């Protein structure tokens, strides 16, 4: 038996045999017990190799996709990471893992709410708990950015290194999760009032499968994907992933730590000071433009024509909290359920051309806040997106008379 355990080739063949047993209908727990008895721990890289070999040998990718969760159940708790490297703060893998912690918080919160509803009588009103569930599912929709960064930034480098099977299978699981989340969002958005009996049925049929799917993907990433990628990609490749991540956005987490491998010189380092953005009325360098936008006394947020948050300013005194985690998020999921219909009405009227601007003003913590939305349009009048402009007018409302002489006193 020790010869089997210490022989990598035989271990891999045994693992392959066990996985094929799963495909033939063996119970995951039984296979897991066999693996523990015969092999102890299973190195993560052998799991990847076996999966790739099975695809190469003709096992349909669809079949592996169908039973991927069965593999997970059988391997949970017995995968070892003795070879795996660690990722410093700011590294893409560190960011992915922090996002997983945030996703895990939302899933745990949902589990508690599900349990609270399960304790109610069938006829009890569960509307308040249902609204809380909706808020957490809105947050979970942010997982789309997590998956997009994997698909568009990480998977191409894996394929470049000859790792093709796992990305294909994982992408398929992403798509399954997307469908489950779409159904979950539709379910929690339709009912303004709901009984506990109705809520229990929807939770079991729709909501739990969606949250479970995200939770199972977290396990696959932490146990197999991230260790494999850390051992495979070069520092320059990771830096490419790091630089391009902001274009897609982050999931429920805003990485604040700077990370740059030694010896790497980015294109941004070479050109940001000299490159000028040409506009019809002049030009600006990127540092000048960034300073200009962050100095004007407004909070600006831009939502593109697809309802996706793409940009916000970082002034000295923000009115509403913003983090880069909202970039790439659908604007509908940035608002509480009670106000989503107002957001959708504004955007709908802007898109149709019915309206071009809309203003609100509120009193918030003793401050007078003015909020205005503008439709942005191209030369032909086509809708390009929406600009939100927020301004604290508390000080300016108090101004009287005139000030014609130089003074540096504050007016707000």
Protein backbone atom coordinates (compact mmCIF):
# COMPACT_ATOMS: atom_id res chain seq x y z
CA UNK A 1 0.00 0.00 0.00
CA UNK A 2 2.86 2.42 0.79
CA UNK A 3 4.18 1.87 -2.74
CA UNK A 4 0.83 3.00 -4.11
CA UNK A 5 0.69 6.06 -1.87
CA UNK A 6 4.23 7.19 -2.77
CA UNK A 7 3.94 6.57 -6.53
CA UNK A 8 2.54 9.69 -8.22
CA UNK A 9 1.53 7.83 -11.38
CA UNK A 10 -0.36 5.16 -9.47
CA UNK A 11 -2.00 7.78 -7.25
CA UNK A 12 -3.23 9.58 -10.33
CA UNK A 13 -4.61 6.39 -11.86
CA UNK A 14 -6.38 5.59 -8.60
CA UNK A 15 -7.89 9.07 -8.48
CA UNK A 16 -9.04 8.70 -12.09
CA UNK A 17 -10.63 5.35 -11.25
CA UNK A 18 -12.44 6.87 -8.28
CA UNK A 19 -13.78 9.78 -10.36
CA UNK A 20 -15.02 7.33 -12.99
CA UNK A 21 -16.80 5.50 -10.18
CA UNK A 22 -18.66 8.72 -9.47
CA UNK A 23 -19.72 8.93 -13.10
CA UNK A 24 -21.01 5.39 -12.87
CA UNK A 25 -23.24 6.33 -9.95
CA UNK A 26 -21.19 5.67 -6.80
CA UNK A 27 -22.12 7.80 -3.80
CA UNK A 28 -19.71 10.72 -3.18
CA UNK A 29 -19.31 9.85 0.50
CA UNK A 30 -18.35 6.27 -0.31
CA UNK A 31 -15.75 7.40 -2.86
CA UNK A 32 -14.43 10.00 -0.43
CA UNK A 33 -13.94 7.34 2.26
CA UNK A 34 -12.07 5.16 -0.24
CA UNK A 35 -9.78 8.06 -1.19
CA UNK A 36 -9.06 8.82 2.44
CA UNK A 37 -8.29 5.19 3.20
CA UNK A 38 -6.06 4.59 0.19
CA UNK A 39 -4.45 7.96 -0.45
CA UNK A 40 -4.91 10.20 2.57
CA UNK A 41 -4.70 13.63 0.92
CA UNK A 42 -5.02 14.33 -2.81
CA UNK A 43 -2.59 16.94 -4.25
CA UNK A 44 -4.57 19.64 -6.04
CA UNK A 45 -2.43 19.42 -9.19
CA UNK A 46 -3.34 15.74 -9.59
CA UNK A 47 -7.03 16.67 -9.52
CA UNK A 48 -6.39 19.09 -12.41
CA UNK A 49 -4.32 16.58 -14.40
CA UNK A 50 -6.92 13.84 -14.01
CA UNK A 51 -9.77 16.09 -15.08
CA UNK A 52 -7.82 17.20 -18.15
CA UNK A 53 -6.83 13.63 -19.05
CA UNK A 54 -10.43 12.40 -18.77
CA UNK A 55 -11.54 15.08 -21.25
CA UNK A 56 -8.65 14.19 -23.59
CA UNK A 57 -9.59 10.50 -23.38
CA UNK A 58 -13.11 11.20 -24.58
CA UNK A 59 -15.20 11.74 -21.45
CA UNK A 60 -17.61 14.45 -22.62
CA UNK A 61 -17.02 17.86 -21.08
CA UNK A 62 -20.79 18.08 -20.53
CA UNK A 63 -20.63 14.94 -18.40
CA UNK A 64 -17.83 16.36 -16.26
CA UNK A 65 -19.79 19.60 -15.95
CA UNK A 66 -22.93 17.71 -14.91
CA UNK A 67 -21.12 15.84 -12.13
CA UNK A 68 -18.67 18.60 -11.16
CA UNK A 69 -20.48 19.18 -7.87
CA UNK A 70 -20.32 15.46 -7.12
CA UNK A 71 -16.53 15.64 -7.53
CA UNK A 72 -16.48 18.56 -5.13
CA UNK A 73 -18.45 16.66 -2.50
CA UNK A 74 -16.15 13.65 -2.80
CA UNK A 75 -12.92 15.68 -2.60
CA UNK A 76 -13.95 18.21 0.04
CA UNK A 77 -11.51 18.22 2.92
CA UNK A 78 -8.89 15.89 1.41
CA UNK A 79 -7.15 18.16 -1.16
CA UNK A 80 -3.62 19.17 -0.13
CA UNK A 81 -1.75 22.36 -1.10
CA UNK A 82 1.80 21.59 -0.04
CA UNK A 83 3.23 23.06 -3.26
CA UNK A 84 0.98 26.09 -3.47
CA UNK A 85 2.39 29.60 -3.14
CA UNK A 86 0.78 32.44 -1.20
CA UNK A 87 -0.38 35.75 -2.64
CA UNK A 88 0.54 39.13 -1.08
CA UNK A 89 -2.02 41.89 -0.54
CA UNK A 90 -2.95 43.57 -3.83
CA UNK A 91 -2.13 40.46 -5.89
CA UNK A 92 -5.07 39.32 -8.08
CA UNK A 93 -5.42 36.06 -6.13
CA UNK A 94 -5.50 37.96 -2.83
CA UNK A 95 -8.27 40.13 -4.30
CA UNK A 96 -10.20 37.08 -5.55
CA UNK A 97 -9.98 35.52 -2.07
CA UNK A 98 -11.14 38.70 -0.32
CA UNK A 99 -14.09 38.78 -2.70
CA UNK A 100 -14.84 35.20 -1.72
CA UNK A 101 -14.87 36.24 1.94
CA UNK A 102 -17.41 38.96 1.08
CA UNK A 103 -19.53 36.53 -0.96
CA UNK A 104 -19.35 34.07 1.92
CA UNK A 105 -20.71 36.72 4.28
CA UNK A 106 -23.72 37.27 2.02
CA UNK A 107 -24.32 33.51 1.75
CA UNK A 108 -24.09 33.07 5.54
CA UNK A 109 -26.54 35.95 6.02
CA UNK A 110 -28.97 34.30 3.61
CA UNK A 111 -28.66 30.95 5.41
CA UNK A 112 -29.67 32.64 8.67
CA UNK A 113 -32.66 34.30 7.00
CA UNK A 114 -33.68 30.99 5.40
CA UNK A 115 -33.55 29.36 8.84
CA UNK A 116 -35.67 32.13 10.38
CA UNK A 117 -38.36 31.65 7.72
CA UNK A 118 -38.23 27.87 8.19
CA UNK A 119 -39.27 28.35 11.83
CA UNK A 120 -42.40 30.35 10.91
CA UNK A 121 -45.87 28.88 10.47
CA UNK A 122 -47.04 28.52 6.87
CA UNK A 123 -49.53 31.39 7.15
CA UNK A 124 -47.18 33.83 8.91
CA UNK A 125 -46.18 37.01 7.08
CA UNK A 126 -42.55 36.76 5.90
CA UNK A 127 -42.42 40.02 3.92
CA UNK A 128 -39.85 41.81 6.09
CA UNK A 129 -37.47 38.84 6.01
CA UNK A 130 -38.10 38.53 2.27
CA UNK A 131 -36.96 42.13 1.72
CA UNK A 132 -33.73 41.38 3.59
CA UNK A 133 -33.20 38.31 1.41
CA UNK A 134 -33.62 40.47 -1.67
CA UNK A 135 -30.91 42.88 -0.47
CA UNK A 136 -28.44 40.01 -0.02
CA UNK A 137 -29.23 38.56 -3.45
CA UNK A 138 -28.72 42.00 -4.98
CA UNK A 139 -25.26 41.95 -3.40
CA UNK A 140 -24.57 38.42 -4.68
CA UNK A 141 -25.22 39.59 -8.24
CA UNK A 142 -21.81 41.27 -7.94
CA UNK A 143 -20.30 37.80 -8.45
CA UNK A 144 -20.61 38.48 -12.18
CA UNK A 145 -17.51 40.71 -12.06
CA UNK A 146 -15.61 38.01 -10.18
CA UNK A 147 -16.47 35.49 -12.90
CA UNK A 148 -15.78 37.90 -15.77
CA UNK A 149 -12.26 38.58 -14.46
CA UNK A 150 -11.63 34.84 -14.32
CA UNK A 151 -13.01 34.23 -17.81
CA UNK A 152 -11.40 37.16 -19.60
CA UNK A 153 -8.16 37.68 -17.69
CA UNK A 154 -7.21 34.47 -15.88
CA UNK A 155 -8.42 31.67 -18.16
CA UNK A 156 -6.52 32.90 -21.27
CA UNK A 157 -3.21 32.62 -19.38
CA UNK A 158 -4.14 29.16 -18.11
CA UNK A 159 -4.83 28.04 -21.68
CA UNK A 160 -1.53 29.59 -22.80
CA UNK A 161 0.18 27.24 -20.33
CA UNK A 162 -1.72 24.25 -21.70
CA UNK A 163 -4.36 24.07 -18.95
CA UNK A 164 -7.55 23.88 -21.01
CA UNK A 165 -9.91 21.43 -19.30
CA UNK A 166 -10.55 23.14 -15.93
CA UNK A 167 -11.28 26.59 -17.44
CA UNK A 168 -13.87 25.10 -19.80
CA UNK A 169 -15.58 23.20 -16.99
CA UNK A 170 -15.47 26.18 -14.64
CA UNK A 171 -16.85 28.55 -17.29
CA UNK A 172 -19.74 26.14 -17.74
CA UNK A 173 -20.41 26.26 -14.00
CA UNK A 174 -20.33 30.06 -14.16
CA UNK A 175 -23.09 29.97 -16.76
CA UNK A 176 -25.15 27.61 -14.61
CA UNK A 177 -24.78 29.98 -11.66
CA UNK A 178 -25.80 32.93 -13.84
CA UNK A 179 -29.04 31.18 -14.77
CA UNK A 180 -29.73 30.26 -11.15
CA UNK A 181 -29.06 33.83 -10.01
CA UNK A 182 -31.28 35.25 -12.74
CA UNK A 183 -34.13 33.05 -11.52
CA UNK A 184 -33.44 34.01 -7.90
CA UNK A 185 -33.49 37.75 -8.63
CA UNK A 186 -36.74 37.40 -10.54
CA UNK A 187 -38.23 35.44 -7.64
CA UNK A 188 -37.27 37.89 -4.88
CA UNK A 189 -38.27 40.92 -6.98
CA UNK A 190 -41.81 39.85 -7.81
CA UNK A 191 -43.42 39.63 -4.38
CA UNK A 192 -44.00 42.72 -2.26
CA UNK A 193 -45.94 40.60 0.25
CA UNK A 194 -45.34 36.92 0.88
CA UNK A 195 -46.38 34.26 3.39
CA UNK A 196 -43.88 31.97 5.08
CA UNK A 197 -45.30 28.98 3.21
CA UNK A 198 -44.76 30.66 -0.16
CA UNK A 199 -41.30 31.83 0.87
CA UNK A 200 -40.23 28.33 1.96
CA UNK A 201 -41.19 26.89 -1.42
CA UNK A 202 -39.24 29.54 -3.35
CA UNK A 203 -36.23 29.19 -1.04
CA UNK A 204 -36.01 25.43 -1.58
CA UNK A 205 -36.69 25.48 -5.32
CA UNK A 206 -34.89 28.64 -6.43
CA UNK A 207 -32.89 30.54 -3.81
CA UNK A 208 -30.88 27.80 -2.11
CA UNK A 209 -29.67 26.31 -5.43
CA UNK A 210 -28.40 29.77 -6.45
CA UNK A 211 -26.52 30.55 -3.22
CA UNK A 212 -25.21 26.97 -3.01
CA UNK A 213 -23.84 27.25 -6.55
CA UNK A 214 -21.78 30.31 -5.61
CA UNK A 215 -20.58 28.64 -2.41
CA UNK A 216 -19.45 25.51 -4.28
CA UNK A 217 -17.53 27.64 -6.79
CA UNK A 218 -15.71 29.32 -3.90
CA UNK A 219 -14.50 25.88 -2.79
CA UNK A 220 -13.33 24.99 -6.32
CA UNK A 221 -11.41 28.26 -6.59
CA UNK A 222 -9.76 28.14 -3.19
CA UNK A 223 -8.86 24.44 -3.27
CA UNK A 224 -7.87 23.96 -6.91
CA UNK A 225 -7.94 27.01 -9.22
CA UNK A 226 -5.95 29.57 -7.23
CA UNK A 227 -3.18 27.22 -6.03
CA UNK A 228 -2.78 25.93 -9.61
CA UNK A 229 -2.59 29.44 -11.09
CA UNK A 230 -0.12 30.67 -8.47
CA UNK A 231 2.20 27.80 -9.39
CA UNK A 232 1.77 28.39 -13.14
CA UNK A 233 1.51 32.07 -14.12
CA UNK A 234 4.58 34.32 -14.16
CA UNK A 235 4.83 37.63 -12.29
CA UNK A 236 4.53 39.57 -15.55
CA UNK A 237 1.34 37.66 -16.43
CA UNK A 238 -0.13 38.31 -13.00
CA UNK A 239 0.68 42.00 -13.41
CA UNK A 240 -1.20 42.05 -16.71
CA UNK A 241 -4.21 40.54 -14.91
CA UNK A 242 -3.79 43.10 -12.12
CA UNK A 243 -3.67 46.09 -14.49
CA UNK A 244 -6.69 45.04 -16.52
CA UNK A 245 -8.87 44.10 -13.52
CA UNK A 246 -10.08 47.66 -12.95
CA UNK A 247 -11.71 47.64 -16.41
CA UNK A 248 -14.07 44.88 -15.28
CA UNK A 249 -14.39 45.90 -11.65
CA UNK A 250 -14.31 44.16 -8.28
CA UNK A 251 -16.86 42.09 -6.39
CA UNK A 252 -18.02 43.46 -3.02
CA UNK A 253 -14.41 44.40 -2.21
CA UNK A 254 -12.18 47.34 -3.10
CA UNK A 255 -8.47 46.42 -3.09
CA UNK A 256 -6.50 49.31 -1.62
CA UNK A 257 -3.03 47.74 -1.44
CA UNK A 258 -0.66 48.51 -4.29
CA UNK A 259 1.05 45.48 -5.80
CA UNK A 260 3.75 45.41 -8.42
CA UNK A 261 6.36 42.67 -8.96
CA UNK A 262 10.00 43.69 -8.89
CA UNK A 263 11.53 44.49 -12.26
CA UNK A 264 8.19 45.19 -14.00
CA UNK A 265 7.82 48.48 -15.90
CA UNK A 266 4.28 49.19 -17.02
CA UNK A 267 3.21 51.17 -20.06
CA UNK A 268 1.38 53.50 -17.69
CA UNK A 269 4.67 54.35 -15.97
CA UNK A 270 6.15 55.37 -19.32
CA UNK A 271 3.31 57.42 -20.74
CA UNK A 272 0.88 58.70 -18.10
CA UNK A 273 2.72 61.99 -17.54
CA UNK A 274 3.27 62.77 -21.23
CA UNK A 275 0.15 61.38 -22.89
CA UNK A 276 -2.49 64.03 -23.48
CA UNK A 277 -6.18 63.32 -24.01
CA UNK A 278 -7.29 65.47 -26.94
CA UNK A 279 -10.73 67.10 -26.55
CA UNK A 280 -12.53 69.63 -28.80
CA UNK A 281 -11.62 72.51 -26.47
CA UNK A 282 -8.14 71.48 -25.38
CA UNK A 283 -6.11 68.62 -23.95
CA UNK A 284 -5.21 67.19 -20.55
CA UNK A 285 -2.79 64.62 -19.23
CA UNK A 286 -4.26 61.78 -17.19
CA UNK A 287 -2.95 63.20 -13.86
CA UNK A 288 -4.39 66.62 -14.78
CA UNK A 289 -7.76 65.18 -15.71
CA UNK A 290 -7.92 63.07 -12.55
CA UNK A 291 -7.03 66.06 -10.36
CA UNK A 292 -9.56 68.27 -12.17
CA UNK A 293 -12.45 65.82 -11.74
CA UNK A 294 -11.62 65.21 -8.08
CA UNK A 295 -11.38 68.95 -7.33
CA UNK A 296 -14.71 70.20 -8.68
CA UNK A 297 -17.18 70.62 -5.78
CA UNK A 298 -19.53 67.86 -6.91
CA UNK A 299 -19.74 64.11 -6.59
CA UNK A 300 -19.99 62.66 -10.11
CA UNK A 301 -21.00 59.11 -10.97
CA UNK A 302 -21.32 57.85 -14.55
CA UNK A 303 -23.59 54.95 -15.56
CA UNK A 304 -23.15 53.76 -19.15
CA UNK A 305 -25.84 52.95 -21.75
CA UNK A 306 -26.04 49.37 -20.44
CA UNK A 307 -26.88 50.57 -16.88
CA UNK A 308 -23.39 49.69 -15.62
CA UNK A 309 -21.51 51.94 -13.18
CA UNK A 310 -18.26 52.91 -14.94
CA UNK A 311 -16.78 55.88 -13.08
CA UNK A 312 -17.02 58.10 -10.00
CA UNK A 313 -14.99 61.01 -8.70
CA UNK A 314 -13.05 60.96 -5.45
CA UNK A 315 -13.44 64.44 -4.02
CA UNK A 316 -12.12 65.51 -0.64
CA UNK A 317 -15.54 65.34 0.99
CA UNK A 318 -17.83 62.77 -0.55
CA UNK A 319 -21.55 63.02 0.08
CA UNK A 320 -22.38 59.38 -0.61
CA UNK A 321 -19.92 56.58 0.09
CA UNK A 322 -18.40 54.98 -3.02
CA UNK A 323 -15.81 52.27 -3.44
CA UNK A 324 -14.39 50.72 -6.60
CA UNK A 325 -16.44 47.62 -5.84
CA UNK A 326 -19.40 49.35 -7.52
CA UNK A 327 -17.53 49.66 -10.84
CA UNK A 328 -18.95 47.19 -13.32
CA UNK A 329 -22.09 46.69 -11.21
CA UNK A 330 -25.57 47.23 -12.62
CA UNK A 331 -26.92 50.44 -11.13
CA UNK A 332 -30.16 48.68 -10.14
CA UNK A 333 -28.19 46.60 -7.62
CA UNK A 334 -26.61 49.69 -6.03
CA UNK A 335 -29.93 50.89 -4.61
CA UNK A 336 -32.24 49.51 -1.91
CA UNK A 337 -35.34 47.69 -3.17
CA UNK A 338 -37.63 50.56 -2.13
CA UNK A 339 -36.01 53.01 -4.58
CA UNK A 340 -35.07 50.76 -7.51
CA UNK A 341 -38.28 51.57 -9.38
CA UNK A 342 -37.38 55.29 -9.33
CA UNK A 343 -33.93 54.59 -10.77
CA UNK A 344 -35.41 52.41 -13.50
CA UNK A 345 -38.02 55.08 -14.34
CA UNK A 346 -35.36 57.79 -14.73
CA UNK A 347 -33.15 55.64 -16.95
CA UNK A 348 -36.11 54.48 -19.03
CA UNK A 349 -37.21 58.08 -19.66
CA UNK A 350 -33.64 59.11 -20.54
CA UNK A 351 -33.23 56.21 -22.97
CA UNK A 352 -36.53 56.94 -24.71
CA UNK A 353 -35.66 60.62 -25.08
CA UNK A 354 -38.68 61.64 -23.03
CA UNK A 355 -36.54 63.45 -20.44
CA UNK A 356 -32.98 64.81 -20.19
CA UNK A 357 -32.60 65.75 -16.54
CA UNK A 358 -34.16 65.06 -13.16
CA UNK A 359 -33.45 66.71 -9.80
CA UNK A 360 -34.01 65.87 -6.13
CA UNK A 361 -33.01 67.66 -2.91
CA UNK A 362 -32.95 66.24 0.58
CA UNK A 363 -31.96 67.12 4.13
CA UNK A 364 -29.36 64.64 5.37
CA UNK A 365 -27.75 64.94 8.80
CA UNK A 366 -28.29 68.70 8.91
CA UNK A 367 -26.95 69.21 5.36
CA UNK A 368 -28.92 70.32 2.30
CA UNK A 369 -28.05 67.93 -0.52
CA UNK A 370 -28.94 68.52 -4.17
CA UNK A 371 -28.91 65.51 -6.51
CA UNK A 372 -29.42 65.82 -10.26
CA UNK A 373 -29.35 63.26 -13.05
CA UNK A 374 -28.45 64.13 -16.64
CA UNK A 375 -28.89 62.08 -19.80
CA UNK A 376 -25.63 62.05 -21.80
CA UNK A 377 -26.15 61.98 -25.56
CA UNK A 378 -23.96 61.66 -28.64
CA UNK A 379 -23.92 63.94 -31.67
CA UNK A 380 -26.92 62.18 -33.14
CA UNK A 381 -28.88 62.35 -29.90
CA UNK A 382 -28.23 58.70 -29.05
CA UNK A 383 -28.23 57.81 -25.36
CA UNK A 384 -24.70 57.30 -23.98
CA UNK A 385 -25.48 56.98 -20.28
CA UNK A 386 -26.50 58.87 -17.16
CA UNK A 387 -24.48 61.30 -15.05
CA UNK A 388 -25.36 61.68 -11.37
CA UNK A 389 -24.26 65.03 -9.86
CA UNK A 390 -24.52 65.44 -6.09
CA UNK A 391 -23.66 68.67 -4.27
CA UNK A 392 -23.74 69.84 -0.67
CA UNK A 393 -25.37 73.28 -0.83
CA UNK A 394 -25.64 73.84 2.93
CA UNK A 395 -23.04 76.62 3.05
CA UNK A 396 -24.06 78.31 -0.18
CA UNK A 397 -27.71 78.59 0.94
CA UNK A 398 -26.51 80.76 3.84
CA UNK A 399 -24.67 83.31 1.65
CA UNK A 400 -25.96 86.90 1.74
CA UNK A 401 -24.90 90.18 0.14
CA UNK A 402 -21.73 90.16 -1.97
CA UNK A 403 -18.05 89.32 -1.70
CA UNK A 404 -15.95 91.25 -4.19
CA UNK A 405 -12.64 91.29 -2.29
CA UNK A 406 -10.16 88.43 -2.14
CA UNK A 407 -10.90 86.12 0.78
CA UNK A 408 -9.95 82.52 1.45
CA UNK A 409 -12.72 81.92 3.97
CA UNK A 410 -14.83 78.79 3.56
CA UNK A 411 -18.36 79.14 2.16
CA UNK A 412 -19.59 75.67 3.04
